[in-house]
Amino acid sequence: MLYWLSEFTDHLRIFRYLTFRSAGAALTSMMIVILLGPWVVRALKKFSFVAPLRLQGLVAEEELDYSKAKTPSMGGLLIVFAIVVSTLLWAPLNNALVVLFLGNMLAYCAIGFYDDYNKVLYKNRDTDGGISAKMKLLWQFLVGALAVYCITIIPGLSNYSDDFMLPFYKHPVVAGVPLWIMIIFSSIVVVGASNAVNLTDGLDGLATGNMLICAGTYVIFAYLSGNVNFSSYLNIPYIEGAGEVCVFGAAIMGACLGFLWHNCYPASMFMGDTGSLALGGSIGLIAVLVKQEVTLIIVGGVFVMETVSVMIQTSYFKYTRKKYGEGRRVFLMTPIHHHFQKKGWTETQVVIRFWILGLIFAGIGLATLKIR
């Protein structure tokens, strides 16, 4: 919206600059979340939008942290609202990618909201009577596949949509991959990122802080990919129009930073699936756009750790139960942040140390741009 003001007079040409608009988007979304946060907390409490405790049904009753029993969930509504308003304000709406990314985020937000609402309604984290895990996953894949397909048909992007690239390599490892294979692969990336962030959202500020780091990294990727000079110098695909995704990514950064104001220990609200699915799905789609899907495994290393720990624990438990008649565990508890809590780390120690790991992983991911 503000971008169009620059078309009327040169005195407002500053709104043409992508870096200025990205900074404006980040600041706008951050202030929206910080200022509206207290009102949202009161509203969520008023409507009793308090989800069951995170580990309810997974640990003994005496191990549950009842100090968080009255902390409202669905704070992701505020995050998504801030991102949408900020993006609409600072990005040109005639850019198809901007519209696509907003639509994708809102769709994942709707899935997460429905899941959260049923948890609140039935007071059961298994959503008894609500959306099932399989149905939830099906909708995630449908939304992800549609978003990926839209990327492949946007003019100027089809030249790279069928290339498979790996970090540390200048050129595509495989070129001309069949469209249906790329759609399946890219959908797995988007859905995987969405669920990985959801699994990580188990401690105050953990997912929010790491999402801030991950989003910042992919804002840089999008900026470089959308600049013909930088993309040529770094031997990465030039993605026409990808620069405007920086505004969307910066809005995510600002919203996460603002949400940390309310979500840091002790949290006054949680983002819930409403926020985690939307944020993860958005980052996954940015990775698909800039052809840095595999690099997301590095940049989002903390999210990968959390997801892999759950997969290992579940698989090993089922295997040992079938073989020995009693399930055994590799970790004390998963996702892995709970394992370290069991080892004696405080919640704040786990969160800060995982943030540090997130920064290290992000640095390695950015290094792949030069080490090629």
Protein backbone atom coordinates (compact mmCIF):
# COMPACT_ATOMS: atom_id res chain seq x y z
CA MET A 1 0.00 0.00 0.00
CA LEU A 2 2.73 2.47 1.00
CA TYR A 3 4.74 1.31 -2.00
CA TRP A 4 2.17 2.88 -4.31
CA LEU A 5 2.66 6.30 -2.71
CA SER A 6 6.08 6.47 -4.35
CA GLU A 7 4.38 6.46 -7.76
CA PHE A 8 2.76 9.83 -7.13
CA THR A 9 5.79 11.86 -6.11
CA ASP A 10 9.58 11.50 -5.97
CA HIS A 11 9.51 12.89 -2.44
CA LEU A 12 8.24 9.49 -1.32
CA ARG A 13 10.64 7.43 -3.43
CA ILE A 14 12.07 5.96 -0.23
CA PHE A 15 9.08 3.60 -0.27
CA ARG A 16 10.53 2.04 -3.42
CA TYR A 17 13.52 0.70 -1.55
CA LEU A 18 13.12 -2.92 -0.55
CA THR A 19 15.40 -2.65 2.49
CA PHE A 20 13.44 0.30 3.87
CA ARG A 21 10.10 -1.42 3.38
CA SER A 22 11.40 -4.64 4.94
CA ALA A 23 12.58 -2.74 8.00
CA GLY A 24 9.24 -0.95 8.13
CA ALA A 25 7.38 -4.25 7.93
CA ALA A 26 9.43 -5.72 10.76
CA LEU A 27 8.92 -2.67 12.98
CA THR A 28 5.19 -2.50 12.22
CA SER A 29 4.46 -6.15 13.00
CA MET A 30 6.59 -6.00 16.14
CA MET A 31 4.75 -2.95 17.50
CA ILE A 32 1.34 -4.44 16.66
CA VAL A 33 2.13 -7.59 18.65
CA ILE A 34 3.67 -5.74 21.59
CA LEU A 35 0.88 -3.17 21.88
CA LEU A 36 -2.06 -5.50 21.27
CA GLY A 37 -0.58 -8.36 23.30
CA PRO A 38 -2.11 -7.47 26.69
CA TRP A 39 -5.56 -6.99 25.14
CA VAL A 40 -5.27 -10.33 23.30
CA VAL A 41 -4.24 -12.11 26.51
CA ARG A 42 -7.31 -10.72 28.31
CA ALA A 43 -9.57 -11.68 25.38
CA LEU A 44 -8.21 -15.23 25.20
CA LYS A 45 -8.73 -15.65 28.94
CA LYS A 46 -12.22 -14.21 28.73
CA PHE A 47 -13.22 -16.82 26.15
CA SER A 48 -11.35 -19.54 28.09
CA PHE A 49 -9.00 -20.28 25.21
CA VAL A 50 -6.70 -22.25 27.49
CA ALA A 51 -5.39 -25.50 26.05
CA PRO A 52 -4.57 -28.56 28.20
CA LEU A 53 -1.07 -28.66 29.65
CA ARG A 54 1.57 -29.49 27.07
CA LEU A 55 2.58 -32.82 28.64
CA GLN A 56 -0.83 -33.85 29.94
CA GLY A 57 -1.29 -37.56 29.36
CA LEU A 58 2.43 -38.05 28.68
CA VAL A 59 3.89 -37.77 32.18
CA ALA A 60 2.77 -38.38 35.74
CA GLU A 61 0.45 -35.80 37.26
CA GLU A 62 3.08 -34.66 39.76
CA GLU A 63 5.44 -33.79 36.90
CA LEU A 64 3.05 -31.36 35.22
CA ASP A 65 3.76 -27.63 35.54
CA TYR A 66 0.43 -26.35 36.82
CA SER A 67 1.75 -22.79 36.93
CA LYS A 68 0.99 -22.71 33.18
CA ALA A 69 -2.44 -24.27 33.47
CA LYS A 70 -4.14 -20.89 33.05
CA THR A 71 -1.86 -19.54 30.31
CA PRO A 72 -4.01 -18.93 27.20
CA SER A 73 -3.20 -20.50 23.86
CA MET A 74 -3.99 -19.37 20.27
CA GLY A 75 -1.67 -16.37 20.55
CA GLY A 76 -0.74 -17.26 16.99
CA LEU A 77 -3.82 -15.30 15.93
CA LEU A 78 -2.04 -12.12 16.99
CA ILE A 79 1.15 -13.14 15.17
CA VAL A 80 -0.67 -13.87 11.92
CA PHE A 81 -2.76 -10.70 12.19
CA ALA A 82 0.37 -8.58 12.62
CA ILE A 83 2.11 -10.26 9.66
CA VAL A 84 -0.89 -9.79 7.37
CA VAL A 85 -1.41 -6.12 8.27
CA SER A 86 2.29 -5.33 8.00
CA THR A 87 2.69 -7.11 4.66
CA LEU A 88 -0.38 -5.44 3.19
CA LEU A 89 0.98 -2.09 4.34
CA TRP A 90 4.55 -2.39 3.06
CA ALA A 91 4.49 -4.84 0.11
CA PRO A 92 3.07 -4.27 -3.40
CA LEU A 93 -0.11 -6.31 -3.71
CA ASN A 94 0.34 -6.71 -7.47
CA ASN A 95 3.16 -9.18 -6.72
CA ALA A 96 1.74 -12.70 -7.09
CA LEU A 97 4.24 -14.12 -4.60
CA VAL A 98 3.12 -11.78 -1.84
CA VAL A 99 -0.51 -12.84 -2.31
CA LEU A 100 0.49 -16.51 -2.48
CA PHE A 101 2.51 -16.41 0.73
CA LEU A 102 -0.23 -14.62 2.63
CA GLY A 103 -2.80 -17.14 1.41
CA ASN A 104 -0.58 -20.08 2.36
CA MET A 105 0.01 -18.70 5.84
CA LEU A 106 -3.69 -18.02 6.43
CA ALA A 107 -4.59 -21.54 5.31
CA TYR A 108 -2.13 -23.13 7.74
CA CYS A 109 -3.34 -20.76 10.43
CA ALA A 110 -6.90 -21.98 9.84
CA ILE A 111 -5.81 -25.62 10.20
CA GLY A 112 -3.97 -24.81 13.41
CA PHE A 113 -6.85 -22.77 14.79
CA TYR A 114 -9.31 -25.58 14.20
CA ASP A 115 -6.97 -27.99 15.97
CA ASP A 116 -6.41 -25.58 18.87
CA TYR A 117 -10.11 -24.87 19.20
CA ASN A 118 -10.90 -28.56 19.55
CA LYS A 119 -8.19 -28.96 22.17
CA VAL A 120 -9.77 -26.15 24.15
CA LEU A 121 -13.30 -27.41 23.57
CA TYR A 122 -12.62 -31.02 24.55
CA LYS A 123 -9.79 -30.30 27.03
CA ASN A 124 -7.78 -33.06 25.38
CA ARG A 125 -4.51 -32.62 23.52
CA ASP A 126 -5.44 -35.63 21.39
CA THR A 127 -8.41 -33.60 20.18
CA ASP A 128 -10.97 -36.27 21.03
CA GLY A 129 -13.94 -35.64 18.78
CA GLY A 130 -12.09 -33.01 16.74
CA ILE A 131 -9.69 -33.12 13.83
CA SER A 132 -7.65 -36.33 13.68
CA ALA A 133 -3.90 -36.40 13.13
CA LYS A 134 -4.34 -38.01 9.70
CA MET A 135 -6.95 -35.49 8.61
CA LYS A 136 -4.79 -32.63 9.88
CA LEU A 137 -1.82 -33.95 7.90
CA LEU A 138 -3.97 -34.41 4.81
CA TRP A 139 -5.09 -30.78 4.87
CA GLN A 140 -1.52 -29.64 5.41
CA PHE A 141 -0.37 -31.55 2.34
CA LEU A 142 -3.25 -30.25 0.23
CA VAL A 143 -2.46 -26.65 1.14
CA GLY A 144 1.27 -27.18 0.68
CA ALA A 145 0.88 -28.89 -2.69
CA LEU A 146 -1.42 -26.14 -3.96
CA ALA A 147 1.03 -23.43 -2.89
CA VAL A 148 3.96 -25.23 -4.50
CA TYR A 149 2.01 -25.75 -7.71
CA CYS A 150 1.17 -22.05 -7.82
CA ILE A 151 4.89 -21.26 -7.63
CA THR A 152 5.54 -23.46 -10.66
CA ILE A 153 3.00 -21.63 -12.83
CA ILE A 154 3.94 -18.06 -11.90
CA PRO A 155 5.69 -16.49 -14.92
CA GLY A 156 9.44 -16.21 -14.47
CA LEU A 157 9.71 -18.99 -11.88
CA SER A 158 9.15 -22.07 -14.01
CA ASN A 159 12.77 -22.07 -15.22
CA TYR A 160 13.96 -23.20 -11.78
CA SER A 161 10.98 -25.02 -10.35
CA ASP A 162 12.14 -28.38 -11.73
CA ASP A 163 15.74 -28.11 -10.46
CA PHE A 164 17.00 -29.99 -7.42
CA MET A 165 19.80 -28.19 -5.62
CA LEU A 166 22.01 -29.07 -2.69
CA PRO A 167 23.99 -26.79 -0.39
CA PHE A 168 27.69 -26.35 -1.24
CA TYR A 169 26.96 -27.00 -4.95
CA LYS A 170 26.85 -24.19 -7.53
CA HIS A 171 24.67 -25.94 -10.07
CA PRO A 172 21.55 -28.11 -9.82
CA VAL A 173 22.36 -31.69 -8.86
CA VAL A 174 19.44 -32.81 -11.00
CA ALA A 175 17.83 -30.61 -13.64
CA GLY A 176 14.48 -31.25 -15.26
CA VAL A 177 12.92 -33.22 -12.43
CA PRO A 178 9.33 -34.21 -13.33
CA LEU A 179 6.86 -31.67 -12.00
CA TRP A 180 4.85 -34.13 -9.94
CA ILE A 181 7.99 -35.33 -8.14
CA MET A 182 9.02 -31.77 -7.31
CA ILE A 183 5.54 -30.97 -6.03
CA ILE A 184 5.61 -34.01 -3.72
CA PHE A 185 9.13 -33.21 -2.51
CA SER A 186 8.41 -29.52 -1.98
CA SER A 187 5.13 -30.30 -0.20
CA ILE A 188 7.02 -32.55 2.21
CA VAL A 189 9.39 -29.65 2.91
CA VAL A 190 6.53 -27.25 3.65
CA VAL A 191 4.56 -29.70 5.78
CA GLY A 192 7.71 -30.94 7.52
CA ALA A 193 8.71 -27.39 8.45
CA SER A 194 5.20 -26.66 9.69
CA ASN A 195 5.10 -29.68 11.98
CA ALA A 196 8.71 -29.26 13.13
CA VAL A 197 7.96 -25.80 14.48
CA ASN A 198 4.84 -27.21 16.12
CA LEU A 199 6.87 -29.88 17.92
CA THR A 200 9.42 -27.31 19.07
CA ASP A 201 6.75 -25.11 20.64
CA GLY A 202 7.04 -26.77 24.03
CA LEU A 203 8.87 -24.24 26.19
CA ASP A 204 8.39 -20.51 26.70
CA GLY A 205 10.08 -18.66 23.85
CA LEU A 206 11.77 -21.73 22.35
CA ALA A 207 9.95 -21.93 19.01
CA THR A 208 9.48 -18.16 18.78
CA GLY A 209 13.17 -17.37 19.18
CA ASN A 210 14.35 -20.02 16.76
CA MET A 211 11.70 -18.99 14.24
CA LEU A 212 13.03 -15.44 14.46
CA ILE A 213 16.53 -16.71 13.62
CA CYS A 214 15.31 -18.98 10.82
CA ALA A 215 13.14 -16.27 9.28
CA GLY A 216 16.01 -13.79 9.34
CA THR A 217 18.23 -16.24 7.49
CA TYR A 218 15.67 -16.85 4.78
CA VAL A 219 15.02 -13.13 4.40
CA ILE A 220 18.68 -12.90 3.38
CA PHE A 221 18.27 -15.82 0.98
CA ALA A 222 15.21 -14.21 -0.59
CA TYR A 223 16.92 -10.83 -0.91
CA LEU A 224 19.96 -12.33 -2.63
CA SER A 225 17.86 -14.54 -4.92
CA GLY A 226 15.71 -11.59 -5.93
CA ASN A 227 18.72 -9.45 -6.90
CA VAL A 228 20.14 -10.30 -10.32
CA ASN A 229 23.63 -9.08 -9.43
CA PHE A 230 23.98 -10.90 -6.11
CA SER A 231 22.42 -14.10 -7.45
CA SER A 232 24.82 -14.10 -10.40
CA TYR A 233 27.83 -13.49 -8.17
CA LEU A 234 26.85 -16.22 -5.71
CA ASN A 235 25.77 -18.70 -8.42
CA ILE A 236 22.28 -19.10 -7.03
CA PRO A 237 19.07 -19.01 -9.08
CA TYR A 238 17.70 -15.55 -9.80
CA ILE A 239 14.06 -15.65 -8.72
CA GLU A 240 12.13 -12.77 -10.24
CA GLY A 241 10.02 -11.02 -7.63
CA ALA A 242 11.51 -12.98 -4.73
CA GLY A 243 12.83 -9.77 -3.23
CA GLU A 244 9.32 -8.76 -2.20
CA VAL A 245 9.11 -11.91 -0.10
CA CYS A 246 11.70 -10.16 2.09
CA VAL A 247 8.92 -7.85 3.25
CA PHE A 248 6.80 -10.84 4.22
CA GLY A 249 9.76 -12.53 5.92
CA ALA A 250 10.68 -9.36 7.76
CA ALA A 251 7.10 -9.09 9.00
CA ILE A 252 7.49 -12.62 10.41
CA MET A 253 10.69 -11.55 12.16
CA GLY A 254 9.04 -8.51 13.70
CA ALA A 255 5.98 -10.46 14.83
CA CYS A 256 8.16 -13.14 16.45
CA LEU A 257 10.28 -10.52 18.19
CA GLY A 258 7.15 -8.80 19.48
CA PHE A 259 5.64 -12.11 20.55
CA LEU A 260 8.76 -12.89 22.58
CA TRP A 261 7.81 -9.89 24.71
CA HIS A 262 4.79 -11.89 25.88
CA ASN A 263 6.07 -15.44 25.33
CA CYS A 264 9.37 -15.28 27.23
CA TYR A 265 9.51 -17.08 30.56
CA PRO A 266 7.07 -16.98 32.25
CA ALA A 267 4.86 -16.75 29.16
CA SER A 268 1.62 -14.80 29.31
CA MET A 269 0.33 -16.67 26.23
CA PHE A 270 1.32 -19.46 23.84
CA MET A 271 1.13 -19.33 20.05
CA GLY A 272 -0.45 -22.78 19.79
CA ASP A 273 -0.86 -24.69 16.54
CA THR A 274 -2.52 -21.55 15.19
CA GLY A 275 0.85 -19.82 15.09
CA SER A 276 3.35 -22.67 14.82
CA LEU A 277 1.77 -24.31 11.77
CA ALA A 278 1.42 -20.96 10.01
CA LEU A 279 4.99 -19.86 10.73
CA GLY A 280 6.55 -23.21 9.85
CA GLY A 281 4.56 -23.51 6.64
CA SER A 282 5.62 -20.00 5.62
CA ILE A 283 9.34 -20.64 6.15
CA GLY A 284 9.07 -23.96 4.32
CA LEU A 285 7.49 -22.24 1.32
CA ILE A 286 10.19 -19.55 1.26
CA ALA A 287 12.79 -22.34 1.19
CA VAL A 288 11.00 -23.91 -1.77
CA LEU A 289 10.82 -20.58 -3.61
CA VAL A 290 14.53 -19.77 -3.33
CA LYS A 291 15.57 -23.38 -4.02
CA GLN A 292 17.14 -23.79 -0.58
CA GLU A 293 14.95 -26.66 0.56
CA VAL A 294 17.77 -28.93 1.74
CA THR A 295 19.57 -25.99 3.35
CA LEU A 296 16.53 -25.66 5.60
CA ILE A 297 17.71 -28.83 7.35
CA ILE A 298 20.84 -26.89 8.36
CA VAL A 299 19.29 -23.51 9.09
CA GLY A 300 16.41 -25.07 11.01
CA GLY A 301 18.72 -27.48 12.81
CA VAL A 302 16.96 -27.03 16.14
CA PHE A 303 13.60 -27.86 14.58
CA VAL A 304 15.19 -30.91 12.93
CA MET A 305 16.65 -32.05 16.26
CA GLU A 306 13.25 -31.85 17.88
CA THR A 307 11.52 -33.75 15.08
CA VAL A 308 14.16 -36.46 14.72
CA SER A 309 14.18 -37.07 18.48
CA VAL A 310 10.45 -37.78 18.38
CA MET A 311 10.83 -40.07 15.36
CA ILE A 312 13.67 -42.03 17.01
CA GLN A 313 11.85 -42.32 20.33
CA THR A 314 8.58 -43.44 18.76
CA SER A 315 10.20 -45.94 16.38
CA TYR A 316 12.45 -47.48 19.03
CA PHE A 317 9.62 -47.70 21.56
CA LYS A 318 7.38 -49.54 19.08
CA TYR A 319 10.24 -51.83 17.97
CA THR A 320 11.23 -52.83 21.51
CA ARG A 321 7.63 -53.29 22.59
CA LYS A 322 7.09 -55.67 19.68
CA LYS A 323 10.37 -57.55 20.27
CA TYR A 324 10.58 -57.60 24.06
CA GLY A 325 6.97 -57.01 25.04
CA GLU A 326 7.94 -53.77 26.75
CA GLY A 327 8.68 -50.44 25.11
CA ARG A 328 12.08 -48.87 25.76
CA ARG A 329 13.27 -45.31 25.26
CA VAL A 330 16.39 -43.68 23.83
CA PHE A 331 15.70 -40.29 25.44
CA LEU A 332 14.25 -39.56 28.85
CA MET A 333 11.44 -37.67 27.10
CA THR A 334 10.78 -36.15 23.69
CA PRO A 335 10.80 -33.69 22.00
CA ILE A 336 14.43 -33.47 23.02
CA HIS A 337 14.09 -30.20 24.95
CA HIS A 338 12.21 -32.19 27.61
CA HIS A 339 15.09 -34.67 27.73
CA PHE A 340 17.43 -31.90 28.84
CA GLN A 341 14.88 -30.71 31.39
CA LYS A 342 14.91 -34.23 32.82
CA LYS A 343 18.72 -34.00 32.94
CA GLY A 344 18.42 -31.01 35.24
CA TRP A 345 18.52 -28.01 32.88
CA THR A 346 16.12 -25.22 33.79
CA GLU A 347 13.59 -24.10 31.21
CA THR A 348 15.48 -20.86 30.63
CA GLN A 349 18.77 -22.73 30.15
CA VAL A 350 17.23 -25.01 27.54
CA VAL A 351 15.69 -22.12 25.62
CA ILE A 352 18.80 -19.91 25.60
CA ARG A 353 21.11 -22.78 24.65
CA PHE A 354 18.80 -23.86 21.86
CA TRP A 355 18.77 -20.26 20.61
CA ILE A 356 22.56 -20.36 20.54
CA LEU A 357 22.43 -23.58 18.53
CA GLY A 358 19.94 -21.93 16.21
CA LEU A 359 22.34 -19.05 15.55
CA ILE A 360 25.17 -21.50 14.85
CA PHE A 361 23.02 -23.49 12.42
CA ALA A 362 21.93 -20.28 10.68
CA GLY A 363 25.55 -19.20 10.28
CA ILE A 364 26.45 -22.55 8.71
CA GLY A 365 23.46 -22.25 6.39
CA LEU A 366 24.52 -18.80 5.21
CA ALA A 367 28.07 -20.06 4.73
CA THR A 368 26.80 -22.43 2.05
CA LEU A 369 26.36 -19.37 -0.20
CA LYS A 370 30.13 -18.90 -0.42
CA ILE A 371 31.45 -22.38 0.20
CA ARG A 372 30.34 -23.81 -3.11
